Amino acid sequence: MTSRADLHTHTTASDGVLRPAELVDKASDVGLDVLAVTDHDTTAGVAEALERAQLTSLVVIPGMELNARTPHGEAHVLGYFLDYDSPTLRRRLAERQEARDKRGEAMVKRLTELGLRLSWSRVLDIAGGGSVGRPHVARALVEAGYAPDVDGAFRDLIGKGGPGYIPTPSLTAEEAVGWVLEANGIPVLAHPLHILQALPSLIRAGLVGLEVYYGAYTREDMAYLAGVAQRNGLIQTGGTDFHGSDVMATGGLGSAPLPWQHVERLLELAGAPAV
């Protein structure tokens, strides 16, 4: 099933492989009506995506995805319909960008100490000026012949628990929800199946929604999460976590089976025109 919307995507502003304009073109080509641009810890790709969307019928939602921590493990908080040019948000995200760069450089240093000689400057080249993430390190590992592909690099070297893994210095998930709310956005917990223990605290902090229809989840997973969302009065969203071909693949753009009524509910909540 192909949805009319994909509410979880990444561009070269963080660790995706398509420029924001290219992502908009691809979304239009595959028949999407609504696309959320949700790069990690940055809104740098939003303006370009919005500008490109003016040449299409596509509705682009300005968003981001914040990496955060809870007592139960890492959580990712999506923010939709943000005031993405807010000076406060821009300052906070610049600090997050610096933290991500330091983490990436430390990861390269650790891998080099393990005998896998990587160049930090090459990782920066791969990132192309965007927010540095593990996929950029993974692509450098593949390029240098240390991994067969990006998935292999994550599985064997830089995934959680791997010899080259270094956690992202992160804010608390409650703080992440607060950042989204302060930017007049709608906070949603991304791919939440592993982190549902944190839900009560996040709801108290102002969480509005749950990413139910996720590219990597089974239909059983989605049905379970839909029940969780309903019981807690949360809106339901969905997306593929699209980064591009062969990068953290969770399905093709628009392939998460997000029912349209949930997109309508998100648009209504944001006060956006119906599509």
C-alpha atoms as a PDB file:
ATOM      1  CA  MET A   1       0.000   0.000   0.000  1.00  0.00           C
ATOM      2  CA  THR A   2       1.283   3.474  -0.872  1.00  0.00           C
ATOM      3  CA  SER A   3       0.186   6.341   1.325  1.00  0.00           C
ATOM      4  CA  ARG A   4      -0.630   9.855   0.182  1.00  0.00           C
ATOM      5  CA  ALA A   5       1.683  11.200   2.877  1.00  0.00           C
ATOM      6  CA  ASP A   6       5.099  10.521   4.376  1.00  0.00           C
ATOM      7  CA  LEU A   7       5.635  12.311   7.669  1.00  0.00           C
ATOM      8  CA  HIS A   8       9.180  11.137   8.447  1.00  0.00           C
ATOM      9  CA  THR A   9      11.928  11.911   5.914  1.00  0.00           C
ATOM     10  CA  HIS A  10      15.511  13.147   5.793  1.00  0.00           C
ATOM     11  CA  THR A  11      17.593  15.180   3.363  1.00  0.00           C
ATOM     12  CA  THR A  12      21.225  16.173   2.937  1.00  0.00           C
ATOM     13  CA  ALA A  13      20.609  18.769   5.646  1.00  0.00           C
ATOM     14  CA  SER A  14      21.208  15.827   7.996  1.00  0.00           C
ATOM     15  CA  ASP A  15      21.916  12.246   6.922  1.00  0.00           C
ATOM     16  CA  GLY A  16      19.756  11.765   3.849  1.00  0.00           C
ATOM     17  CA  VAL A  17      21.142  11.425   0.342  1.00  0.00           C
ATOM     18  CA  LEU A  18      18.732  13.740  -1.513  1.00  0.00           C
ATOM     19  CA  ARG A  19      18.795  17.514  -1.373  1.00  0.00           C
ATOM     20  CA  PRO A  20      15.523  18.980  -0.051  1.00  0.00           C
ATOM     21  CA  ALA A  21      14.441  20.006  -3.555  1.00  0.00           C
ATOM     22  CA  GLU A  22      15.240  16.518  -4.859  1.00  0.00           C
ATOM     23  CA  LEU A  23      13.200  14.954  -2.066  1.00  0.00           C
ATOM     24  CA  VAL A  24      10.239  17.160  -2.972  1.00  0.00           C
ATOM     25  CA  ASP A  25      10.567  16.140  -6.620  1.00  0.00           C
ATOM     26  CA  LYS A  26      10.697  12.464  -5.685  1.00  0.00           C
ATOM     27  CA  ALA A  27       7.686  12.811  -3.377  1.00  0.00           C
ATOM     28  CA  SER A  28       5.745  14.461  -6.171  1.00  0.00           C
ATOM     29  CA  ASP A  29       6.819  11.775  -8.637  1.00  0.00           C
ATOM     30  CA  VAL A  30       5.592   8.928  -6.397  1.00  0.00           C
ATOM     31  CA  GLY A  31       2.223  10.644  -5.937  1.00  0.00           C
ATOM     32  CA  LEU A  32       2.411  12.014  -2.419  1.00  0.00           C
ATOM     33  CA  ASP A  33       0.168  14.886  -1.388  1.00  0.00           C
ATOM     34  CA  VAL A  34       1.875  15.684   1.934  1.00  0.00           C
ATOM     35  CA  LEU A  35       5.555  15.450   2.891  1.00  0.00           C
ATOM     36  CA  ALA A  36       7.149  16.282   6.243  1.00  0.00           C
ATOM     37  CA  VAL A  37      10.843  17.184   6.170  1.00  0.00           C
ATOM     38  CA  THR A  38      12.197  16.006   9.532  1.00  0.00           C
ATOM     39  CA  ASP A  39      15.983  16.167   9.527  1.00  0.00           C
ATOM     40  CA  HIS A  40      17.954  15.250  12.638  1.00  0.00           C
ATOM     41  CA  ASP A  41      18.508  18.207  14.959  1.00  0.00           C
ATOM     42  CA  THR A  42      18.146  20.766  12.172  1.00  0.00           C
ATOM     43  CA  THR A  43      15.568  22.611  10.099  1.00  0.00           C
ATOM     44  CA  ALA A  44      18.166  23.717   7.543  1.00  0.00           C
ATOM     45  CA  GLY A  45      16.468  21.871   4.677  1.00  0.00           C
ATOM     46  CA  VAL A  46      12.972  23.203   5.238  1.00  0.00           C
ATOM     47  CA  ALA A  47      13.212  26.496   3.327  1.00  0.00           C
ATOM     48  CA  GLU A  48      14.547  24.834   0.170  1.00  0.00           C
ATOM     49  CA  ALA A  49      11.846  22.152   0.340  1.00  0.00           C
ATOM     50  CA  LEU A  50       9.091  24.740   0.781  1.00  0.00           C
ATOM     51  CA  GLU A  51      10.405  26.791  -2.128  1.00  0.00           C
ATOM     52  CA  ARG A  52      10.554  23.756  -4.419  1.00  0.00           C
ATOM     53  CA  ALA A  53       7.070  22.655  -3.363  1.00  0.00           C
ATOM     54  CA  GLN A  54       5.654  25.892  -4.790  1.00  0.00           C
ATOM     55  CA  LEU A  55       6.280  24.384  -8.233  1.00  0.00           C
ATOM     56  CA  THR A  56       4.170  21.327  -7.356  1.00  0.00           C
ATOM     57  CA  SER A  57       0.871  20.490  -5.681  1.00  0.00           C
ATOM     58  CA  LEU A  58       2.735  18.937  -2.745  1.00  0.00           C
ATOM     59  CA  VAL A  59       2.173  20.234   0.785  1.00  0.00           C
ATOM     60  CA  VAL A  60       5.445  20.340   2.745  1.00  0.00           C
ATOM     61  CA  ILE A  61       5.284  20.309   6.537  1.00  0.00           C
ATOM     62  CA  PRO A  62       8.255  22.006   8.216  1.00  0.00           C
ATOM     63  CA  GLY A  63       9.636  19.668  10.841  1.00  0.00           C
ATOM     64  CA  MET A  64      12.635  18.129  12.582  1.00  0.00           C
ATOM     65  CA  GLU A  65      13.614  15.043  14.569  1.00  0.00           C
ATOM     66  CA  LEU A  66      15.358  15.496  17.916  1.00  0.00           C
ATOM     67  CA  ASN A  67      17.515  12.740  19.381  1.00  0.00           C
ATOM     68  CA  ALA A  68      16.817  12.531  23.096  1.00  0.00           C
ATOM     69  CA  ARG A  69      17.354  10.331  26.124  1.00  0.00           C
ATOM     70  CA  THR A  70      15.057   8.693  28.639  1.00  0.00           C
ATOM     71  CA  PRO A  71      15.745   6.369  31.591  1.00  0.00           C
ATOM     72  CA  HIS A  72      14.547   3.573  29.302  1.00  0.00           C
ATOM     73  CA  GLY A  73      16.788   4.283  26.312  1.00  0.00           C
ATOM     74  CA  GLU A  74      17.074   6.655  23.376  1.00  0.00           C
ATOM     75  CA  ALA A  75      13.966   8.359  22.048  1.00  0.00           C
ATOM     76  CA  HIS A  76      13.416  10.469  18.949  1.00  0.00           C
ATOM     77  CA  VAL A  77      10.904  13.303  19.032  1.00  0.00           C
ATOM     78  CA  LEU A  78       9.423  14.615  15.798  1.00  0.00           C
ATOM     79  CA  GLY A  79       8.181  18.171  15.579  1.00  0.00           C
ATOM     80  CA  TYR A  80       5.629  19.210  12.946  1.00  0.00           C
ATOM     81  CA  PHE A  81       4.547  22.665  11.724  1.00  0.00           C
ATOM     82  CA  LEU A  82       7.393  24.345  13.581  1.00  0.00           C
ATOM     83  CA  ASP A  83       8.260  28.005  13.518  1.00  0.00           C
ATOM     84  CA  TYR A  84      11.440  26.733  11.894  1.00  0.00           C
ATOM     85  CA  ASP A  85      13.069  30.181  11.669  1.00  0.00           C
ATOM     86  CA  SER A  86      12.620  30.979  15.363  1.00  0.00           C
ATOM     87  CA  PRO A  87      15.843  32.581  16.723  1.00  0.00           C
ATOM     88  CA  THR A  88      15.623  30.496  19.893  1.00  0.00           C
ATOM     89  CA  LEU A  89      15.187  27.271  17.954  1.00  0.00           C
ATOM     90  CA  ARG A  90      17.994  28.176  15.548  1.00  0.00           C
ATOM     91  CA  ARG A  91      20.372  28.817  18.459  1.00  0.00           C
ATOM     92  CA  ARG A  92      19.469  25.550  20.137  1.00  0.00           C
ATOM     93  CA  LEU A  93      19.863  23.570  16.936  1.00  0.00           C
ATOM     94  CA  ALA A  94      23.246  25.175  16.221  1.00  0.00           C
ATOM     95  CA  GLU A  95      24.391  23.836  19.593  1.00  0.00           C
ATOM     96  CA  ARG A  96      23.024  20.412  18.661  1.00  0.00           C
ATOM     97  CA  GLN A  97      24.898  20.553  15.345  1.00  0.00           C
ATOM     98  CA  GLU A  98      28.147  21.217  17.200  1.00  0.00           C
ATOM     99  CA  ALA A  99      27.487  18.260  19.514  1.00  0.00           C
ATOM    100  CA  ARG A 100      26.801  15.971  16.545  1.00  0.00           C
ATOM    101  CA  ASP A 101      30.036  17.050  14.863  1.00  0.00           C
ATOM    102  CA  LYS A 102      32.041  16.332  18.005  1.00  0.00           C
ATOM    103  CA  ARG A 103      30.409  12.920  18.318  1.00  0.00           C
ATOM    104  CA  GLY A 104      31.193  12.063  14.699  1.00  0.00           C
ATOM    105  CA  GLU A 105      34.801  13.129  15.056  1.00  0.00           C
ATOM    106  CA  ALA A 106      35.157  11.067  18.248  1.00  0.00           C
ATOM    107  CA  MET A 107      33.683   8.065  16.439  1.00  0.00           C
ATOM    108  CA  VAL A 108      36.215   8.404  13.615  1.00  0.00           C
ATOM    109  CA  LYS A 109      39.028   8.643  16.161  1.00  0.00           C
ATOM    110  CA  ARG A 110      37.860   5.492  17.932  1.00  0.00           C
ATOM    111  CA  LEU A 111      37.571   3.567  14.665  1.00  0.00           C
ATOM    112  CA  THR A 112      41.058   4.697  13.684  1.00  0.00           C
ATOM    113  CA  GLU A 113      42.398   3.471  17.019  1.00  0.00           C
ATOM    114  CA  LEU A 114      40.820   0.117  16.162  1.00  0.00           C
ATOM    115  CA  GLY A 115      42.818   0.033  12.945  1.00  0.00           C
ATOM    116  CA  LEU A 116      40.109   1.333  10.603  1.00  0.00           C
ATOM    117  CA  ARG A 117      41.759   4.424   9.225  1.00  0.00           C
ATOM    118  CA  LEU A 118      39.167   7.004   8.305  1.00  0.00           C
ATOM    119  CA  SER A 119      39.514  10.665   7.467  1.00  0.00           C
ATOM    120  CA  TRP A 120      37.301  13.077   9.381  1.00  0.00           C
ATOM    121  CA  SER A 121      37.576  15.510   6.491  1.00  0.00           C
ATOM    122  CA  ARG A 122      36.164  12.808   4.202  1.00  0.00           C
ATOM    123  CA  VAL A 123      33.202  12.278   6.541  1.00  0.00           C
ATOM    124  CA  LEU A 124      32.558  16.023   6.409  1.00  0.00           C
ATOM    125  CA  ASP A 125      32.732  15.891   2.614  1.00  0.00           C
ATOM    126  CA  ILE A 126      30.158  13.091   2.571  1.00  0.00           C
ATOM    127  CA  ALA A 127      27.915  15.104   4.896  1.00  0.00           C
ATOM    128  CA  GLY A 128      28.134  17.967   2.394  1.00  0.00           C
ATOM    129  CA  GLY A 129      27.710  20.661   5.007  1.00  0.00           C
ATOM    130  CA  GLY A 130      24.713  18.973   6.621  1.00  0.00           C
ATOM    131  CA  SER A 131      24.331  17.786  10.181  1.00  0.00           C
ATOM    132  CA  VAL A 132      26.802  14.908  10.636  1.00  0.00           C
ATOM    133  CA  GLY A 133      25.271  11.545  11.489  1.00  0.00           C
ATOM    134  CA  ARG A 134      26.266   7.908  11.660  1.00  0.00           C
ATOM    135  CA  PRO A 135      25.175   7.215   8.074  1.00  0.00           C
ATOM    136  CA  HIS A 136      27.947   9.548   6.918  1.00  0.00           C
ATOM    137  CA  VAL A 137      30.500   7.575   8.944  1.00  0.00           C
ATOM    138  CA  ALA A 138      28.985   4.364   7.606  1.00  0.00           C
ATOM    139  CA  ARG A 139      29.353   5.537   4.025  1.00  0.00           C
ATOM    140  CA  ALA A 140      33.001   6.427   4.713  1.00  0.00           C
ATOM    141  CA  LEU A 141      33.541   2.912   6.099  1.00  0.00           C
ATOM    142  CA  VAL A 142      32.037   1.383   2.970  1.00  0.00           C
ATOM    143  CA  GLU A 143      34.091   3.650   0.729  1.00  0.00           C
ATOM    144  CA  ALA A 144      37.283   2.626   2.557  1.00  0.00           C
ATOM    145  CA  GLY A 145      36.434  -1.060   2.193  1.00  0.00           C
ATOM    146  CA  TYR A 146      35.805  -1.732   5.894  1.00  0.00           C
ATOM    147  CA  ALA A 147      32.144  -2.688   5.440  1.00  0.00           C
ATOM    148  CA  PRO A 148      30.194  -4.261   2.567  1.00  0.00           C
ATOM    149  CA  ASP A 149      27.364  -1.738   2.778  1.00  0.00           C
ATOM    150  CA  VAL A 150      25.812   0.833   5.106  1.00  0.00           C
ATOM    151  CA  ASP A 151      23.708  -1.756   6.931  1.00  0.00           C
ATOM    152  CA  GLY A 152      26.839  -3.850   7.497  1.00  0.00           C
ATOM    153  CA  ALA A 153      28.707  -0.858   8.875  1.00  0.00           C
ATOM    154  CA  PHE A 154      25.940  -0.286  11.399  1.00  0.00           C
ATOM    155  CA  ARG A 155      25.578  -3.964  12.240  1.00  0.00           C
ATOM    156  CA  ASP A 156      29.263  -4.688  12.779  1.00  0.00           C
ATOM    157  CA  LEU A 157      30.903  -1.402  13.699  1.00  0.00           C
ATOM    158  CA  ILE A 158      28.872   1.669  14.633  1.00  0.00           C
ATOM    159  CA  GLY A 159      25.479   0.376  15.722  1.00  0.00           C
ATOM    160  CA  LYS A 160      24.614   0.541  19.403  1.00  0.00           C
ATOM    161  CA  GLY A 161      26.970  -1.816  21.226  1.00  0.00           C
ATOM    162  CA  GLY A 162      29.402  -1.907  18.303  1.00  0.00           C
ATOM    163  CA  PRO A 163      33.125  -1.212  18.796  1.00  0.00           C
ATOM    164  CA  GLY A 164      32.917   2.198  17.145  1.00  0.00           C
ATOM    165  CA  TYR A 165      29.648   3.343  18.692  1.00  0.00           C
ATOM    166  CA  ILE A 166      29.549   6.578  20.653  1.00  0.00           C
ATOM    167  CA  PRO A 167      26.187   7.847  21.945  1.00  0.00           C
ATOM    168  CA  THR A 168      24.902  11.240  20.913  1.00  0.00           C
ATOM    169  CA  PRO A 169      25.082  13.831  23.696  1.00  0.00           C
ATOM    170  CA  SER A 170      21.380  14.415  23.996  1.00  0.00           C
ATOM    171  CA  LEU A 171      18.744  16.411  25.791  1.00  0.00           C
ATOM    172  CA  THR A 172      16.024  14.664  27.733  1.00  0.00           C
ATOM    173  CA  ALA A 173      12.960  13.588  25.798  1.00  0.00           C
ATOM    174  CA  GLU A 174      10.844  15.905  27.946  1.00  0.00           C
ATOM    175  CA  GLU A 175      13.126  18.803  26.961  1.00  0.00           C
ATOM    176  CA  ALA A 176      12.781  17.790  23.300  1.00  0.00           C
ATOM    177  CA  VAL A 177       8.988  17.898  23.589  1.00  0.00           C
ATOM    178  CA  GLY A 178       9.321  21.317  25.219  1.00  0.00           C
ATOM    179  CA  TRP A 179      11.508  22.626  22.394  1.00  0.00           C
ATOM    180  CA  VAL A 180       8.878  21.611  19.839  1.00  0.00           C
ATOM    181  CA  LEU A 181       6.059  23.207  21.830  1.00  0.00           C
ATOM    182  CA  GLU A 182       8.046  26.418  22.320  1.00  0.00           C
ATOM    183  CA  ALA A 183       8.509  26.581  18.541  1.00  0.00           C
ATOM    184  CA  ASN A 184       4.691  26.308  18.177  1.00  0.00           C
ATOM    185  CA  GLY A 185       5.045  22.797  16.795  1.00  0.00           C
ATOM    186  CA  ILE A 186       3.293  19.476  17.340  1.00  0.00           C
ATOM    187  CA  PRO A 187       5.478  16.919  19.176  1.00  0.00           C
ATOM    188  CA  VAL A 188       5.213  13.242  18.199  1.00  0.00           C
ATOM    189  CA  LEU A 189       7.226  10.274  19.472  1.00  0.00           C
ATOM    190  CA  ALA A 190       8.980   8.572  16.544  1.00  0.00           C
ATOM    191  CA  HIS A 191       9.261   4.762  16.078  1.00  0.00           C
ATOM    192  CA  PRO A 192       8.122   4.314  19.687  1.00  0.00           C
ATOM    193  CA  LEU A 193       7.771   0.558  20.058  1.00  0.00           C
ATOM    194  CA  HIS A 194      10.989   0.162  22.084  1.00  0.00           C
ATOM    195  CA  ILE A 195      10.425   3.169  24.312  1.00  0.00           C
ATOM    196  CA  LEU A 196       6.779   3.041  25.396  1.00  0.00           C
ATOM    197  CA  GLN A 197       7.813   2.979  29.070  1.00  0.00           C
ATOM    198  CA  ALA A 198       8.641   6.666  28.659  1.00  0.00           C
ATOM    199  CA  LEU A 199       5.173   7.549  27.356  1.00  0.00           C
ATOM    200  CA  PRO A 200       3.513   8.695  30.630  1.00  0.00           C
ATOM    201  CA  SER A 201       6.278  11.207  31.336  1.00  0.00           C
ATOM    202  CA  LEU A 202       6.246  12.502  27.767  1.00  0.00           C
ATOM    203  CA  ILE A 203       2.479  12.928  27.775  1.00  0.00           C
ATOM    204  CA  ARG A 204       2.794  14.985  30.957  1.00  0.00           C
ATOM    205  CA  ALA A 205       5.422  17.085  29.150  1.00  0.00           C
ATOM    206  CA  GLY A 206       2.953  17.790  26.327  1.00  0.00           C
ATOM    207  CA  LEU A 207       3.433  14.998  23.783  1.00  0.00           C
ATOM    208  CA  VAL A 208       0.618  15.128  21.217  1.00  0.00           C
ATOM    209  CA  GLY A 209       1.137  12.107  18.972  1.00  0.00           C
ATOM    210  CA  LEU A 210       2.625   8.690  18.324  1.00  0.00           C
ATOM    211  CA  GLU A 211       4.252   7.461  15.114  1.00  0.00           C
ATOM    212  CA  VAL A 212       2.150   4.354  14.590  1.00  0.00           C
ATOM    213  CA  TYR A 213       2.624   3.607  10.890  1.00  0.00           C
ATOM    214  CA  TYR A 214       6.396   3.234  10.644  1.00  0.00           C
ATOM    215  CA  GLY A 215       8.239   1.800   7.674  1.00  0.00           C
ATOM    216  CA  ALA A 216      10.039  -0.923   9.626  1.00  0.00           C
ATOM    217  CA  TYR A 217       7.040  -2.091  11.669  1.00  0.00           C
ATOM    218  CA  THR A 218       4.802  -5.075  11.014  1.00  0.00           C
ATOM    219  CA  ARG A 219       1.037  -4.763  10.728  1.00  0.00           C
ATOM    220  CA  GLU A 220       0.795  -6.328  14.181  1.00  0.00           C
ATOM    221  CA  ASP A 221       3.146  -3.686  15.579  1.00  0.00           C
ATOM    222  CA  MET A 222       1.064  -0.926  14.008  1.00  0.00           C
ATOM    223  CA  ALA A 223      -2.212  -2.338  15.299  1.00  0.00           C
ATOM    224  CA  TYR A 224      -0.763  -2.499  18.812  1.00  0.00           C
ATOM    225  CA  LEU A 225       0.544   1.076  18.636  1.00  0.00           C
ATOM    226  CA  ALA A 226      -2.770   2.324  17.270  1.00  0.00           C
ATOM    227  CA  GLY A 227      -4.408   0.939  20.406  1.00  0.00           C
ATOM    228  CA  VAL A 228      -1.807   2.641  22.607  1.00  0.00           C
ATOM    229  CA  ALA A 229      -2.429   5.958  20.846  1.00  0.00           C
ATOM    230  CA  GLN A 230      -6.197   5.647  21.191  1.00  0.00           C
ATOM    231  CA  ARG A 231      -6.025   4.777  24.891  1.00  0.00           C
ATOM    232  CA  ASN A 232      -3.807   7.787  25.569  1.00  0.00           C
ATOM    233  CA  GLY A 233      -5.657  10.306  23.430  1.00  0.00           C
ATOM    234  CA  LEU A 234      -2.736  10.773  21.036  1.00  0.00           C
ATOM    235  CA  ILE A 235      -2.937  11.507  17.331  1.00  0.00           C
ATOM    236  CA  GLN A 236      -1.467   8.893  15.007  1.00  0.00           C
ATOM    237  CA  THR A 237       1.177   9.678  12.403  1.00  0.00           C
ATOM    238  CA  GLY A 238       3.416   7.632  10.162  1.00  0.00           C
ATOM    239  CA  GLY A 239       6.320   7.653   7.777  1.00  0.00           C
ATOM    240  CA  THR A 240       9.149   5.669   6.309  1.00  0.00           C
ATOM    241  CA  ASP A 241      12.129   7.376   7.975  1.00  0.00           C
ATOM    242  CA  PHE A 242      13.310   7.817   4.389  1.00  0.00           C
ATOM    243  CA  HIS A 243      17.000   8.637   3.974  1.00  0.00           C
ATOM    244  CA  GLY A 244      17.495   7.457   0.404  1.00  0.00           C
ATOM    245  CA  SER A 245      18.331   4.280  -1.434  1.00  0.00           C
ATOM    246  CA  ASP A 246      20.499   1.869   0.547  1.00  0.00           C
ATOM    247  CA  VAL A 247      20.692   4.141   3.608  1.00  0.00           C
ATOM    248  CA  MET A 248      18.878   2.828   6.684  1.00  0.00           C
ATOM    249  CA  ALA A 249      16.239   1.421   4.370  1.00  0.00           C
ATOM    250  CA  THR A 250      12.782   1.201   5.954  1.00  0.00           C
ATOM    251  CA  GLY A 251      10.820   1.167   2.728  1.00  0.00           C
ATOM    252  CA  GLY A 252      10.421   3.385  -0.289  1.00  0.00           C
ATOM    253  CA  LEU A 253       9.221   6.942   0.081  1.00  0.00           C
ATOM    254  CA  GLY A 254       5.504   6.924   0.883  1.00  0.00           C
ATOM    255  CA  SER A 255       5.335   3.179   1.512  1.00  0.00           C
ATOM    256  CA  ALA A 256       4.246   3.316   5.175  1.00  0.00           C
ATOM    257  CA  PRO A 257       0.483   2.560   5.179  1.00  0.00           C
ATOM    258  CA  LEU A 258      -0.656   5.759   6.886  1.00  0.00           C
ATOM    259  CA  PRO A 259      -4.462   6.130   6.684  1.00  0.00           C
ATOM    260  CA  TRP A 260      -5.447   9.505   5.317  1.00  0.00           C
ATOM    261  CA  GLN A 261      -7.753  10.396   8.195  1.00  0.00           C
ATOM    262  CA  HIS A 262      -4.728  10.691  10.470  1.00  0.00           C
ATOM    263  CA  VAL A 263      -3.074  13.142   8.079  1.00  0.00           C
ATOM    264  CA  GLU A 264      -6.283  15.167   8.084  1.00  0.00           C
ATOM    265  CA  ARG A 265      -6.268  15.174  11.889  1.00  0.00           C
ATOM    266  CA  LEU A 266      -2.672  16.487  11.957  1.00  0.00           C
ATOM    267  CA  LEU A 267      -3.518  19.231   9.445  1.00  0.00           C
ATOM    268  CA  GLU A 268      -6.612  20.153  11.439  1.00  0.00           C
ATOM    269  CA  LEU A 269      -4.656  20.315  14.680  1.00  0.00           C
ATOM    270  CA  ALA A 270      -2.101  22.621  13.055  1.00  0.00           C
ATOM    271  CA  GLY A 271      -4.814  24.843  11.592  1.00  0.00           C
ATOM    272  CA  ALA A 272      -3.518  24.053   8.115  1.00  0.00           C
ATOM    273  CA  PRO A 273      -5.789  23.983   5.044  1.00  0.00           C
ATOM    274  CA  ALA A 274      -7.269  20.623   4.105  1.00  0.00           C
ATOM    275  CA  VAL A 275      -5.647  18.785   1.203  1.00  0.00           C
END
